[in-house]
Amino acid sequence: MQPQDTVPFHFIDEPIEVWFETPSSLEKKPACPSGFIWQGESYSVVIVLAEWVDFRRRGRMARNMAPAHAETASRRGSWGVGRYYFRVQVENGAIYDIYYDRAPESASDRKGHWFLLGERQLDA
């Protein structure tokens, strides 16, 4: 199965908790987690099918930078901006897109957060 052999099936976009067998050395540039907990159920990642990053600035963050700097930031990222996406297959065979959003929640919560973007299915 190739990553392009799947299509969106169910949009979720809800927070998840993740765990790592080996923690990432850089907190804001994580590797794919070993598993996640969503709505009280644990899912172990069996295989990473794809991974990609998106450093586009969103919302008010998209308007607070000079165009030349925004172009560079969209390629390399900037503090608190960007998402790391992973398409994973879990132990029951389901395929999910998960992501780490580097945006801080508030001044007291400067870490990013993990989300389950959605479920995918094989393209028939």
C-alpha atoms as a PDB file:
ATOM      1  CA  MET A   1       0.000   0.000   0.000  1.00  0.00           C
ATOM      2  CA  GLN A   2       1.293   3.438  -0.951  1.00  0.00           C
ATOM      3  CA  PRO A   3       0.269   6.566   1.059  1.00  0.00           C
ATOM      4  CA  GLN A   4      -1.503   7.938  -2.025  1.00  0.00           C
ATOM      5  CA  ASP A   5      -3.715   4.818  -2.055  1.00  0.00           C
ATOM      6  CA  THR A   6      -5.825   6.281   0.737  1.00  0.00           C
ATOM      7  CA  VAL A   7      -8.532   8.918   0.730  1.00  0.00           C
ATOM      8  CA  PRO A   8     -10.048  10.979   3.560  1.00  0.00           C
ATOM      9  CA  PHE A   9     -12.810   9.080   5.310  1.00  0.00           C
ATOM     10  CA  HIS A  10     -13.656  10.798   8.591  1.00  0.00           C
ATOM     11  CA  PHE A  11     -12.558  14.315   9.657  1.00  0.00           C
ATOM     12  CA  ILE A  12     -11.881  14.439  13.420  1.00  0.00           C
ATOM     13  CA  ASP A  13      -9.374  17.215  14.386  1.00  0.00           C
ATOM     14  CA  GLU A  14      -9.432  16.500  18.131  1.00  0.00           C
ATOM     15  CA  PRO A  15      -6.624  16.630  20.727  1.00  0.00           C
ATOM     16  CA  ILE A  16      -4.796  13.405  21.544  1.00  0.00           C
ATOM     17  CA  GLU A  17      -2.167  12.276  24.030  1.00  0.00           C
ATOM     18  CA  VAL A  18       0.894  10.605  22.547  1.00  0.00           C
ATOM     19  CA  TRP A  19       3.702   8.402  23.794  1.00  0.00           C
ATOM     20  CA  PHE A  20       7.168   7.648  22.488  1.00  0.00           C
ATOM     21  CA  GLU A  21       9.375   4.567  22.849  1.00  0.00           C
ATOM     22  CA  THR A  22      12.316   6.940  22.349  1.00  0.00           C
ATOM     23  CA  PRO A  23      11.582  10.620  23.060  1.00  0.00           C
ATOM     24  CA  SER A  24      12.569  13.208  20.442  1.00  0.00           C
ATOM     25  CA  SER A  25      15.710  15.149  21.209  1.00  0.00           C
ATOM     26  CA  LEU A  26      14.018  18.363  20.008  1.00  0.00           C
ATOM     27  CA  GLU A  27      10.598  18.931  21.527  1.00  0.00           C
ATOM     28  CA  LYS A  28       9.393  21.288  18.773  1.00  0.00           C
ATOM     29  CA  LYS A  29      10.599  18.925  15.984  1.00  0.00           C
ATOM     30  CA  PRO A  30       9.095  15.610  17.015  1.00  0.00           C
ATOM     31  CA  ALA A  31       9.389  12.236  15.399  1.00  0.00           C
ATOM     32  CA  CYS A  32       6.271  10.154  14.924  1.00  0.00           C
ATOM     33  CA  PRO A  33       4.924   8.916  18.252  1.00  0.00           C
ATOM     34  CA  SER A  34       4.768   5.209  19.082  1.00  0.00           C
ATOM     35  CA  GLY A  35       1.088   5.542  19.832  1.00  0.00           C
ATOM     36  CA  PHE A  36      -1.699   7.809  20.961  1.00  0.00           C
ATOM     37  CA  ILE A  37      -4.779   7.949  23.144  1.00  0.00           C
ATOM     38  CA  TRP A  38      -7.987   9.296  21.666  1.00  0.00           C
ATOM     39  CA  GLN A  39     -11.284   9.367  23.546  1.00  0.00           C
ATOM     40  CA  GLY A  40      -9.863   7.043  26.201  1.00  0.00           C
ATOM     41  CA  GLU A  41      -8.725   4.355  23.747  1.00  0.00           C
ATOM     42  CA  SER A  42      -5.063   3.541  23.046  1.00  0.00           C
ATOM     43  CA  TYR A  43      -3.735   3.091  19.509  1.00  0.00           C
ATOM     44  CA  SER A  44      -0.246   1.696  18.853  1.00  0.00           C
ATOM     45  CA  VAL A  45       1.418   2.851  15.647  1.00  0.00           C
ATOM     46  CA  VAL A  46       2.498  -0.128  13.544  1.00  0.00           C
ATOM     47  CA  ILE A  47       3.882   1.732  10.531  1.00  0.00           C
ATOM     48  CA  VAL A  48       4.443   5.323   9.440  1.00  0.00           C
ATOM     49  CA  LEU A  49       3.076   5.596   5.887  1.00  0.00           C
ATOM     50  CA  ALA A  50       4.033   9.242   5.275  1.00  0.00           C
ATOM     51  CA  GLU A  51       5.262  12.349   7.038  1.00  0.00           C
ATOM     52  CA  TRP A  52       5.441  16.004   6.057  1.00  0.00           C
ATOM     53  CA  VAL A  53       5.700  19.488   7.546  1.00  0.00           C
ATOM     54  CA  ASP A  54       3.727  22.656   6.937  1.00  0.00           C
ATOM     55  CA  PHE A  55       5.304  25.904   8.136  1.00  0.00           C
ATOM     56  CA  ARG A  56       2.641  28.246   6.719  1.00  0.00           C
ATOM     57  CA  ARG A  57       1.579  31.002   9.046  1.00  0.00           C
ATOM     58  CA  ARG A  58      -2.153  31.014   9.845  1.00  0.00           C
ATOM     59  CA  GLY A  59      -4.600  33.640  11.060  1.00  0.00           C
ATOM     60  CA  ARG A  60      -3.097  36.804  12.524  1.00  0.00           C
ATOM     61  CA  MET A  61       0.355  35.204  12.361  1.00  0.00           C
ATOM     62  CA  ALA A  62       0.087  35.323   8.552  1.00  0.00           C
ATOM     63  CA  ARG A  63      -0.164  39.126   8.630  1.00  0.00           C
ATOM     64  CA  ASN A  64       2.612  40.014  11.080  1.00  0.00           C
ATOM     65  CA  MET A  65       5.690  39.405   8.929  1.00  0.00           C
ATOM     66  CA  ALA A  66       7.259  41.106   5.924  1.00  0.00           C
ATOM     67  CA  PRO A  67       6.658  39.096   2.705  1.00  0.00           C
ATOM     68  CA  ALA A  68      10.347  38.274   2.168  1.00  0.00           C
ATOM     69  CA  HIS A  69      10.680  36.970   5.724  1.00  0.00           C
ATOM     70  CA  ALA A  70       7.395  35.084   5.456  1.00  0.00           C
ATOM     71  CA  GLU A  71       8.728  33.261   2.384  1.00  0.00           C
ATOM     72  CA  THR A  72      11.814  32.084   4.294  1.00  0.00           C
ATOM     73  CA  ALA A  73       9.752  31.157   7.357  1.00  0.00           C
ATOM     74  CA  SER A  74       7.390  29.046   5.215  1.00  0.00           C
ATOM     75  CA  ARG A  75      10.368  26.893   4.202  1.00  0.00           C
ATOM     76  CA  ARG A  76      12.276  26.680   7.501  1.00  0.00           C
ATOM     77  CA  GLY A  77       9.671  27.483  10.118  1.00  0.00           C
ATOM     78  CA  SER A  78       9.708  30.066  12.865  1.00  0.00           C
ATOM     79  CA  TRP A  79       9.053  29.964  16.585  1.00  0.00           C
ATOM     80  CA  GLY A  80       5.593  28.653  17.459  1.00  0.00           C
ATOM     81  CA  VAL A  81       4.544  28.214  13.820  1.00  0.00           C
ATOM     82  CA  GLY A  82       4.245  24.960  11.946  1.00  0.00           C
ATOM     83  CA  ARG A  83       2.789  21.503  11.988  1.00  0.00           C
ATOM     84  CA  TYR A  84       4.405  18.085  11.707  1.00  0.00           C
ATOM     85  CA  TYR A  85       2.072  15.574  10.059  1.00  0.00           C
ATOM     86  CA  PHE A  86       2.211  11.784  10.157  1.00  0.00           C
ATOM     87  CA  ARG A  87       0.039   9.267   8.313  1.00  0.00           C
ATOM     88  CA  VAL A  88       0.071   6.115  10.410  1.00  0.00           C
ATOM     89  CA  GLN A  89      -1.428   2.674  10.447  1.00  0.00           C
ATOM     90  CA  VAL A  90      -2.363   1.355  13.889  1.00  0.00           C
ATOM     91  CA  GLU A  91      -2.552  -2.206  15.194  1.00  0.00           C
ATOM     92  CA  ASN A  92      -6.190  -2.734  14.159  1.00  0.00           C
ATOM     93  CA  GLY A  93      -5.371  -1.749  10.547  1.00  0.00           C
ATOM     94  CA  ALA A  94      -6.982   1.698  10.663  1.00  0.00           C
ATOM     95  CA  ILE A  95      -5.124   4.575   8.998  1.00  0.00           C
ATOM     96  CA  TYR A  96      -4.997   7.996  10.648  1.00  0.00           C
ATOM     97  CA  ASP A  97      -3.436  11.381  10.011  1.00  0.00           C
ATOM     98  CA  ILE A  98      -2.054  12.912  13.203  1.00  0.00           C
ATOM     99  CA  TYR A  99      -0.144  16.150  13.663  1.00  0.00           C
ATOM    100  CA  TYR A 100       1.868  18.146  16.140  1.00  0.00           C
ATOM    101  CA  ASP A 101       0.977  21.851  16.150  1.00  0.00           C
ATOM    102  CA  ARG A 102       3.900  23.951  17.391  1.00  0.00           C
ATOM    103  CA  ALA A 103       1.677  26.925  18.281  1.00  0.00           C
ATOM    104  CA  PRO A 104       1.704  27.726  22.001  1.00  0.00           C
ATOM    105  CA  GLU A 105      -1.665  27.659  23.754  1.00  0.00           C
ATOM    106  CA  SER A 106      -0.846  30.650  25.983  1.00  0.00           C
ATOM    107  CA  ALA A 107       2.066  32.399  27.690  1.00  0.00           C
ATOM    108  CA  SER A 108       1.930  29.796  30.467  1.00  0.00           C
ATOM    109  CA  ASP A 109       1.597  26.858  28.038  1.00  0.00           C
ATOM    110  CA  ARG A 110       4.342  27.327  25.459  1.00  0.00           C
ATOM    111  CA  LYS A 111       4.485  23.725  24.269  1.00  0.00           C
ATOM    112  CA  GLY A 112       2.687  22.569  21.168  1.00  0.00           C
ATOM    113  CA  HIS A 113      -0.079  19.991  21.114  1.00  0.00           C
ATOM    114  CA  TRP A 114      -0.950  16.799  19.248  1.00  0.00           C
ATOM    115  CA  PHE A 115      -4.138  16.268  17.248  1.00  0.00           C
ATOM    116  CA  LEU A 116      -5.876  13.478  15.396  1.00  0.00           C
ATOM    117  CA  LEU A 117      -6.736  15.072  12.053  1.00  0.00           C
ATOM    118  CA  GLY A 118      -8.795  12.253  10.637  1.00  0.00           C
ATOM    119  CA  GLU A 119      -9.210   8.695   9.543  1.00  0.00           C
ATOM    120  CA  ARG A 120      -8.434   7.513   6.018  1.00  0.00           C
ATOM    121  CA  GLN A 121      -9.521   4.514   4.020  1.00  0.00           C
ATOM    122  CA  LEU A 122      -8.079   2.601   1.102  1.00  0.00           C
ATOM    123  CA  ASP A 123      -8.960   4.064  -2.276  1.00  0.00           C
ATOM    124  CA  ALA A 124     -11.152   1.468  -3.959  1.00  0.00           C
END
